[in-house]
Amino acid sequence: MGARYSSSWICILFILLLFALLFHGKTFGEYKELDSRTKVKWIKKSPMPGPLYAFDAVTIGHKIFAVGGRGGKEDYFKYNYIFDSQTNEWEVGKELIYDRSNHAVVALEGKIYVFGGNENPDKTEVYDPTTDAWKELAAIPTPRQHINYSAAAAHGKIYLIGGIEKRGEKEFIIT
């Protein structure tokens, strides 16, 4: 299978899902699930609509939303791929407003929030799955980009954790 460059782990109804991707956009679009109760068997699932890495993913109910990402060294995407874990089918949702890679995504109250990323480190947008529409929100006060950057939701609030802020040629780790 080769080396894995980027992966996102998500737990849905006792099932752990792995998006396995290869470096430099040479992806095999493989998507598997692991029954976290038995932890003994990986099951191949329907492939993603297109190859991606450096994307982020989040769940709402039984659907997984894989947003943004890259397909090569200079290819940045606005993709919004939606996997239905009950039907084993992918659909393509409305594209993001901005190209994104190495960004953070979180679900809160049935909506998906996307923050920063290498191409647009200060941009924030929200997706409403019921209307299939994106809306731009206020800019992030401290722009965030790069790997090891996360978002989490708790008690109706969103927290941005880590990342790198780039000022000119210098990069600063955000804590």
Protein backbone atom coordinates (compact mmCIF):
# COMPACT_ATOMS: atom_id res chain seq x y z
CA MET A 1 0.00 0.00 0.00
CA GLY A 2 2.85 2.42 0.57
CA ALA A 3 3.46 5.07 3.21
CA ARG A 4 0.58 7.06 4.61
CA TYR A 5 0.97 10.83 4.70
CA SER A 6 -2.25 12.09 6.22
CA SER A 7 -5.14 10.41 7.95
CA SER A 8 -8.19 11.44 9.88
CA TRP A 9 -9.73 9.14 12.51
CA ILE A 10 -13.42 9.37 13.23
CA CYS A 11 -15.66 7.23 15.43
CA ILE A 12 -19.28 6.61 14.29
CA LEU A 13 -21.66 4.25 16.06
CA PHE A 14 -18.83 2.03 17.37
CA ILE A 15 -17.04 2.04 14.00
CA LEU A 16 -13.63 3.57 13.51
CA LEU A 17 -13.04 4.90 10.00
CA LEU A 18 -9.69 5.54 8.34
CA PHE A 19 -9.06 7.72 5.33
CA ALA A 20 -5.77 6.30 4.06
CA LEU A 21 -3.88 8.58 1.70
CA LEU A 22 -0.48 8.67 0.04
CA PHE A 23 2.07 11.45 -0.25
CA HIS A 24 2.13 13.94 -3.18
CA GLY A 25 -1.45 13.30 -4.22
CA LYS A 26 -0.74 9.77 -5.42
CA THR A 27 -3.66 8.50 -3.41
CA PHE A 28 -5.37 5.20 -3.71
CA GLY A 29 -8.69 6.65 -2.48
CA GLU A 30 -8.99 3.78 -0.06
CA TYR A 31 -11.53 4.07 2.68
CA LYS A 32 -11.94 1.42 5.34
CA GLU A 33 -13.81 0.84 8.56
CA LEU A 34 -12.77 -1.01 11.67
CA ASP A 35 -15.35 -2.39 14.03
CA SER A 36 -14.03 -0.94 17.27
CA ARG A 37 -15.82 -3.63 19.29
CA THR A 38 -13.83 -6.51 17.75
CA LYS A 39 -10.75 -4.66 16.40
CA VAL A 40 -9.91 -7.62 14.22
CA LYS A 41 -10.99 -6.81 10.69
CA TRP A 42 -10.72 -3.88 8.29
CA ILE A 43 -13.49 -3.69 5.70
CA LYS A 44 -12.99 -1.86 2.42
CA LYS A 45 -15.67 0.76 1.80
CA SER A 46 -16.77 2.80 -1.21
CA PRO A 47 -13.86 4.99 -2.48
CA MET A 48 -13.89 8.77 -2.11
CA PRO A 49 -15.02 10.72 -5.20
CA GLY A 50 -11.46 11.95 -5.71
CA PRO A 51 -7.97 11.70 -4.23
CA LEU A 52 -7.22 13.95 -1.26
CA TYR A 53 -4.70 14.56 1.49
CA ALA A 54 -4.24 17.42 3.99
CA PHE A 55 -8.04 17.62 4.37
CA ASP A 56 -10.01 17.44 7.58
CA ALA A 57 -13.17 15.51 8.40
CA VAL A 58 -16.03 15.68 10.86
CA THR A 59 -19.24 13.76 11.54
CA ILE A 60 -22.83 14.84 11.93
CA GLY A 61 -25.10 11.91 12.68
CA HIS A 62 -24.23 9.05 10.34
CA LYS A 63 -22.53 11.28 7.74
CA ILE A 64 -18.85 12.10 7.45
CA PHE A 65 -17.85 15.37 5.79
CA ALA A 66 -14.35 15.46 4.25
CA VAL A 67 -13.60 19.09 3.38
CA GLY A 68 -10.79 20.93 1.65
CA GLY A 69 -7.46 19.25 1.03
CA ARG A 70 -4.83 18.85 -1.61
CA GLY A 71 -4.25 16.59 -4.57
CA GLY A 72 -0.66 17.49 -5.38
CA LYS A 73 2.10 19.95 -4.51
CA GLU A 74 0.21 22.96 -5.91
CA ASP A 75 -3.36 21.66 -6.03
CA TYR A 76 -5.60 23.05 -3.28
CA PHE A 77 -9.27 22.17 -3.17
CA LYS A 78 -12.64 23.45 -2.00
CA TYR A 79 -14.11 19.95 -1.97
CA ASN A 80 -16.91 18.87 0.34
CA TYR A 81 -17.24 15.09 0.07
CA ILE A 82 -20.01 13.54 2.15
CA PHE A 83 -19.99 9.85 3.10
CA ASP A 84 -23.19 8.19 4.32
CA SER A 85 -22.10 5.39 6.65
CA GLN A 86 -25.53 3.73 6.42
CA THR A 87 -25.61 3.44 2.61
CA ASN A 88 -21.83 3.24 1.96
CA GLU A 89 -22.19 6.01 -0.65
CA TRP A 90 -20.42 9.31 -1.26
CA GLU A 91 -21.97 12.49 -2.57
CA VAL A 92 -20.40 15.82 -3.47
CA GLY A 93 -21.72 18.75 -1.44
CA LYS A 94 -21.43 22.44 -2.17
CA GLU A 95 -17.77 23.52 -2.38
CA LEU A 96 -16.13 25.62 0.32
CA ILE A 97 -15.82 29.36 -0.30
CA TYR A 98 -11.99 29.21 -0.03
CA ASP A 99 -9.32 26.68 -0.98
CA ARG A 100 -8.16 24.85 2.13
CA SER A 101 -5.46 22.45 3.28
CA ASN A 102 -4.05 21.76 6.74
CA HIS A 103 -7.04 23.53 8.25
CA ALA A 104 -9.29 22.71 11.21
CA VAL A 105 -12.90 21.52 11.10
CA VAL A 106 -15.44 21.03 13.89
CA ALA A 107 -19.17 20.28 14.08
CA LEU A 108 -21.39 22.23 16.45
CA GLU A 109 -25.18 22.23 16.66
CA GLY A 110 -25.60 20.55 13.27
CA LYS A 111 -23.27 22.88 11.35
CA ILE A 112 -19.67 22.51 10.18
CA TYR A 113 -17.12 25.23 10.94
CA VAL A 114 -13.85 25.48 8.99
CA PHE A 115 -10.89 27.54 10.20
CA GLY A 116 -7.63 28.74 8.67
CA GLY A 117 -5.33 26.59 6.60
CA ASN A 118 -2.27 27.17 4.48
CA GLU A 119 -3.98 29.12 1.72
CA ASN A 120 -6.35 31.25 3.82
CA PRO A 121 -5.04 31.24 7.40
CA ASP A 122 -7.44 33.91 8.70
CA LYS A 123 -10.66 32.79 6.96
CA THR A 124 -13.60 31.14 8.73
CA GLU A 125 -16.69 29.68 7.12
CA VAL A 126 -19.69 27.62 8.23
CA TYR A 127 -21.63 24.96 6.32
CA ASP A 128 -25.27 24.10 6.89
CA PRO A 129 -25.91 20.54 5.63
CA THR A 130 -29.69 21.09 5.59
CA THR A 131 -29.39 23.89 3.00
CA ASP A 132 -26.08 22.76 1.39
CA ALA A 133 -24.77 26.33 1.77
CA TRP A 134 -21.57 27.94 3.05
CA LYS A 135 -21.36 31.34 4.75
CA GLU A 136 -18.25 33.36 5.55
CA LEU A 137 -17.78 34.34 9.19
CA ALA A 138 -15.50 36.81 10.97
CA ALA A 139 -11.76 36.40 10.38
CA ILE A 140 -9.63 34.55 12.94
CA PRO A 141 -7.80 37.14 15.11
CA THR A 142 -4.63 35.01 15.05
CA PRO A 143 -4.34 33.38 11.59
CA ARG A 144 -3.59 29.66 11.81
CA GLN A 145 -2.11 27.27 9.34
CA HIS A 146 -0.11 24.10 8.99
CA ILE A 147 -0.26 20.61 10.42
CA ASN A 148 -1.02 19.87 14.11
CA TYR A 149 -3.77 22.46 14.30
CA SER A 150 -7.14 21.45 15.73
CA ALA A 151 -10.60 22.69 16.60
CA ALA A 152 -12.87 21.26 19.28
CA ALA A 153 -16.40 22.05 20.46
CA ALA A 154 -17.59 21.96 24.07
CA HIS A 155 -20.58 23.52 25.83
CA GLY A 156 -21.66 25.46 22.73
CA LYS A 157 -18.24 27.02 22.14
CA ILE A 158 -15.46 26.31 19.65
CA TYR A 159 -11.81 26.19 20.69
CA LEU A 160 -8.88 26.58 18.25
CA ILE A 161 -5.79 24.76 19.46
CA GLY A 162 -2.23 24.97 18.13
CA GLY A 163 -1.10 25.76 14.62
CA ILE A 164 1.48 28.05 13.13
CA GLU A 165 1.20 31.75 12.43
CA LYS A 166 3.38 32.95 9.56
CA ARG A 167 4.69 36.53 9.64
CA GLY A 168 6.83 37.22 6.60
CA GLU A 169 9.44 34.49 6.44
CA LYS A 170 9.12 33.58 10.13
CA GLU A 171 6.75 31.02 11.59
CA PHE A 172 5.48 31.12 15.16
CA ILE A 173 3.92 28.18 16.98
CA ILE A 174 0.58 29.10 18.53
CA THR A 175 -0.28 27.58 21.90
